[in-house]
Amino acid sequence: MAHFYISEELEAAAVGDRVAITGHEARHAVTVSRLAVGETVSIGNGSGLIVTGPIVTAEHTELAITVAEALEVPRRAPAVFLAQALAKGDRDELAVQAATELGVDGVIPWTAARSISRWEGAKIAKGRDRWSAVVREASKQSLRAWIPDVLDLVTTKQLVRLAEGARMLVLEPTAELTLGALETDGRDLILVVGPEGGIAPQELDALAAAGASVVRLGDEVLRTSTAGPAALAVLNVKLGRW
């Protein structure tokens, strides 16, 4: 399997072109991965383009390849987003990381009523930047052509409004309907996962009133860090991604 790096500056490339990565990516490739001239590397731009070819320059400041293959990967439809409630420790980040590896198209940080962790003031930008770094690294690990979008932090009222334009699926252990029994209808999907203490009753009522479907995965109660990725695995099968 080829090593995979990301250069958001890459806009277009064809077979025979010279494509390079610089800065931290190049240093990591040469000093940590110890890549050398002649080895095969893939470089993506996070927006659907992946080029692959042999290394022709391997320096601490630059690693370059000659493109042997250029692949344009379209966005998948319908898109699947994860609205992940902020959680203490790194549990929300673990959910975002695993969701990225499992193919989520975007993540939405959500301040739920029972969220212990809060992004306020300067923490809002810092938290979003951290999630962006998590999805970027997870995209490299899983060789993803598209880096998932990290949307702005939402309140419950803002999350309710999102239910008007997409098929929203709220994960709730006490729901009667299972996710496996739900039929998709072609609309974009938003998976909603609550914090450690679960989604508050008033939030469930508001989301259901806006048209969201309240579903469960099974008889087990999963952590906030594992519920979203587990649901994504189910949806990957239902949508024919797997």
Foldseek 3Di string as FASTA:
>chain_A
DAQEEEDLVDDDDDAQDKDKDFDPRLQCCCVPVVDDFQGKHWYANQQFKIFIATWPDRDNGMTMGGGHDIGGGDDDFPAEEEAAEAAPDCLSLLQLLLVLLLPHQAYEYEHAPPHPDDQDDPSQVVVLVVSQVSQNVSCSVNVHNHRHYYDGYDYLVVVLVVVLQFAEEEEDLPDPAALLPDADDRGHYYYYFYYQVGHDPVSVVSNVVSPYHYHYHDNDDDHSSVRNSVSSVSVCVNVVVD
